[in-house]
Amino acid sequence: MTPEQEKTFWEKFAAELANDDGSAAREHLQAGFPIYIRTDETPKNAVEKRFPDGRCQLVKWDLNGEHFLCHLPTTAP
């Protein structure tokens, strides 16, 4: 990828994020799969794993894969 292509990619990516309405995440949950998110409250070096049934976990990733850290309060499914 050339520097110009990379710049174009990141510009398009940022524009899509700015217009994200969450529909892809909702579809993924409705299909029975968990999603991974970060919020302002998510600790550094971790992500929230949200399941279709409302369960939430705090997990981290490294070269060996996903690692469970703790359970979080359940969200409305």
C-alpha atoms as a PDB file:
ATOM      1  CA  MET A   1       0.000   0.000   0.000  1.00  0.00           C
ATOM      2  CA  THR A   2       1.402   3.365  -0.957  1.00  0.00           C
ATOM      3  CA  PRO A   3       1.384   6.259   1.532  1.00  0.00           C
ATOM      4  CA  GLU A   4      -1.392   7.907  -0.497  1.00  0.00           C
ATOM      5  CA  GLN A   5      -3.492   4.722  -0.468  1.00  0.00           C
ATOM      6  CA  GLU A   6      -2.984   4.396   3.273  1.00  0.00           C
ATOM      7  CA  LYS A   7      -4.035   8.013   3.796  1.00  0.00           C
ATOM      8  CA  THR A   8      -7.165   7.448   1.700  1.00  0.00           C
ATOM      9  CA  PHE A   9      -7.957   4.263   3.624  1.00  0.00           C
ATOM     10  CA  TRP A  10      -7.748   5.987   7.027  1.00  0.00           C
ATOM     11  CA  GLU A  11      -9.826   8.926   5.828  1.00  0.00           C
ATOM     12  CA  LYS A  12     -12.591   6.602   4.599  1.00  0.00           C
ATOM     13  CA  PHE A  13     -12.349   4.484   7.742  1.00  0.00           C
ATOM     14  CA  ALA A  14     -12.688   7.554   9.991  1.00  0.00           C
ATOM     15  CA  ALA A  15     -15.697   8.754   7.985  1.00  0.00           C
ATOM     16  CA  GLU A  16     -17.422   5.381   8.320  1.00  0.00           C
ATOM     17  CA  LEU A  17     -16.785   5.295  12.068  1.00  0.00           C
ATOM     18  CA  ALA A  18     -18.241   8.765  12.443  1.00  0.00           C
ATOM     19  CA  ASN A  19     -21.463   7.559  10.780  1.00  0.00           C
ATOM     20  CA  ASP A  20     -21.706   4.194  12.579  1.00  0.00           C
ATOM     21  CA  ASP A  21     -25.232   3.590  13.827  1.00  0.00           C
ATOM     22  CA  GLY A  22     -24.467   0.250  15.509  1.00  0.00           C
ATOM     23  CA  SER A  23     -26.557  -1.774  13.054  1.00  0.00           C
ATOM     24  CA  ALA A  24     -23.734  -4.203  12.199  1.00  0.00           C
ATOM     25  CA  ALA A  25     -23.139  -4.914  15.897  1.00  0.00           C
ATOM     26  CA  ARG A  26     -26.867  -5.469  16.491  1.00  0.00           C
ATOM     27  CA  GLU A  27     -27.042  -7.853  13.517  1.00  0.00           C
ATOM     28  CA  HIS A  28     -24.044  -9.782  14.832  1.00  0.00           C
ATOM     29  CA  LEU A  29     -25.659 -10.127  18.274  1.00  0.00           C
ATOM     30  CA  GLN A  30     -28.993 -11.142  16.747  1.00  0.00           C
ATOM     31  CA  ALA A  31     -27.173 -13.861  14.791  1.00  0.00           C
ATOM     32  CA  GLY A  32     -25.989 -15.268  18.134  1.00  0.00           C
ATOM     33  CA  PHE A  33     -22.410 -14.004  18.180  1.00  0.00           C
ATOM     34  CA  PRO A  34     -20.654 -11.817  20.772  1.00  0.00           C
ATOM     35  CA  ILE A  35     -19.271  -8.395  19.950  1.00  0.00           C
ATOM     36  CA  TYR A  36     -16.210  -6.603  21.293  1.00  0.00           C
ATOM     37  CA  ILE A  37     -16.353  -2.933  22.228  1.00  0.00           C
ATOM     38  CA  ARG A  38     -14.427  -0.237  24.057  1.00  0.00           C
ATOM     39  CA  THR A  39     -16.016   2.612  25.966  1.00  0.00           C
ATOM     40  CA  ASP A  40     -14.538   5.504  27.914  1.00  0.00           C
ATOM     41  CA  GLU A  41     -14.847   3.301  31.023  1.00  0.00           C
ATOM     42  CA  THR A  42     -13.059   0.273  29.530  1.00  0.00           C
ATOM     43  CA  PRO A  43      -9.677  -0.213  31.242  1.00  0.00           C
ATOM     44  CA  LYS A  44      -6.576   0.283  29.136  1.00  0.00           C
ATOM     45  CA  ASN A  45      -5.359  -2.887  27.370  1.00  0.00           C
ATOM     46  CA  ALA A  46      -8.770  -4.573  27.679  1.00  0.00           C
ATOM     47  CA  VAL A  47     -12.024  -4.820  25.734  1.00  0.00           C
ATOM     48  CA  GLU A  48     -15.605  -5.609  26.675  1.00  0.00           C
ATOM     49  CA  LYS A  49     -17.039  -8.808  25.231  1.00  0.00           C
ATOM     50  CA  ARG A  50     -20.837  -8.558  25.052  1.00  0.00           C
ATOM     51  CA  PHE A  51     -22.951 -11.649  24.448  1.00  0.00           C
ATOM     52  CA  PRO A  52     -26.415 -11.874  22.827  1.00  0.00           C
ATOM     53  CA  ASP A  53     -27.992 -12.837  26.190  1.00  0.00           C
ATOM     54  CA  GLY A  54     -26.698  -9.627  27.836  1.00  0.00           C
ATOM     55  CA  ARG A  55     -23.704 -11.130  29.645  1.00  0.00           C
ATOM     56  CA  CYS A  56     -20.540  -9.020  29.581  1.00  0.00           C
ATOM     57  CA  GLN A  57     -16.925  -9.883  30.234  1.00  0.00           C
ATOM     58  CA  LEU A  58     -13.715  -7.935  30.338  1.00  0.00           C
ATOM     59  CA  VAL A  59     -11.073  -9.645  28.198  1.00  0.00           C
ATOM     60  CA  LYS A  60      -7.647  -8.915  26.820  1.00  0.00           C
ATOM     61  CA  TRP A  61      -5.866 -10.181  23.743  1.00  0.00           C
ATOM     62  CA  ASP A  62      -2.253 -11.088  23.115  1.00  0.00           C
ATOM     63  CA  LEU A  63      -0.351 -13.336  20.731  1.00  0.00           C
ATOM     64  CA  ASN A  64      -1.764 -16.382  22.544  1.00  0.00           C
ATOM     65  CA  GLY A  65      -5.366 -15.284  21.982  1.00  0.00           C
ATOM     66  CA  GLU A  66      -8.181 -14.043  24.185  1.00  0.00           C
ATOM     67  CA  HIS A  67      -7.907 -14.059  27.988  1.00  0.00           C
ATOM     68  CA  PHE A  68     -10.838 -13.677  30.385  1.00  0.00           C
ATOM     69  CA  LEU A  69     -10.291 -11.007  33.050  1.00  0.00           C
ATOM     70  CA  CYS A  70     -13.635 -10.676  34.868  1.00  0.00           C
ATOM     71  CA  HIS A  71     -17.411 -10.555  34.541  1.00  0.00           C
ATOM     72  CA  LEU A  72     -19.074  -7.157  34.090  1.00  0.00           C
ATOM     73  CA  PRO A  73     -22.647  -6.129  34.920  1.00  0.00           C
ATOM     74  CA  THR A  74     -25.165  -7.614  32.496  1.00  0.00           C
ATOM     75  CA  THR A  75     -26.602  -5.354  29.810  1.00  0.00           C
ATOM     76  CA  ALA A  76     -30.094  -5.502  28.357  1.00  0.00           C
ATOM     77  CA  PRO A  77     -30.103  -7.956  25.407  1.00  0.00           C
END
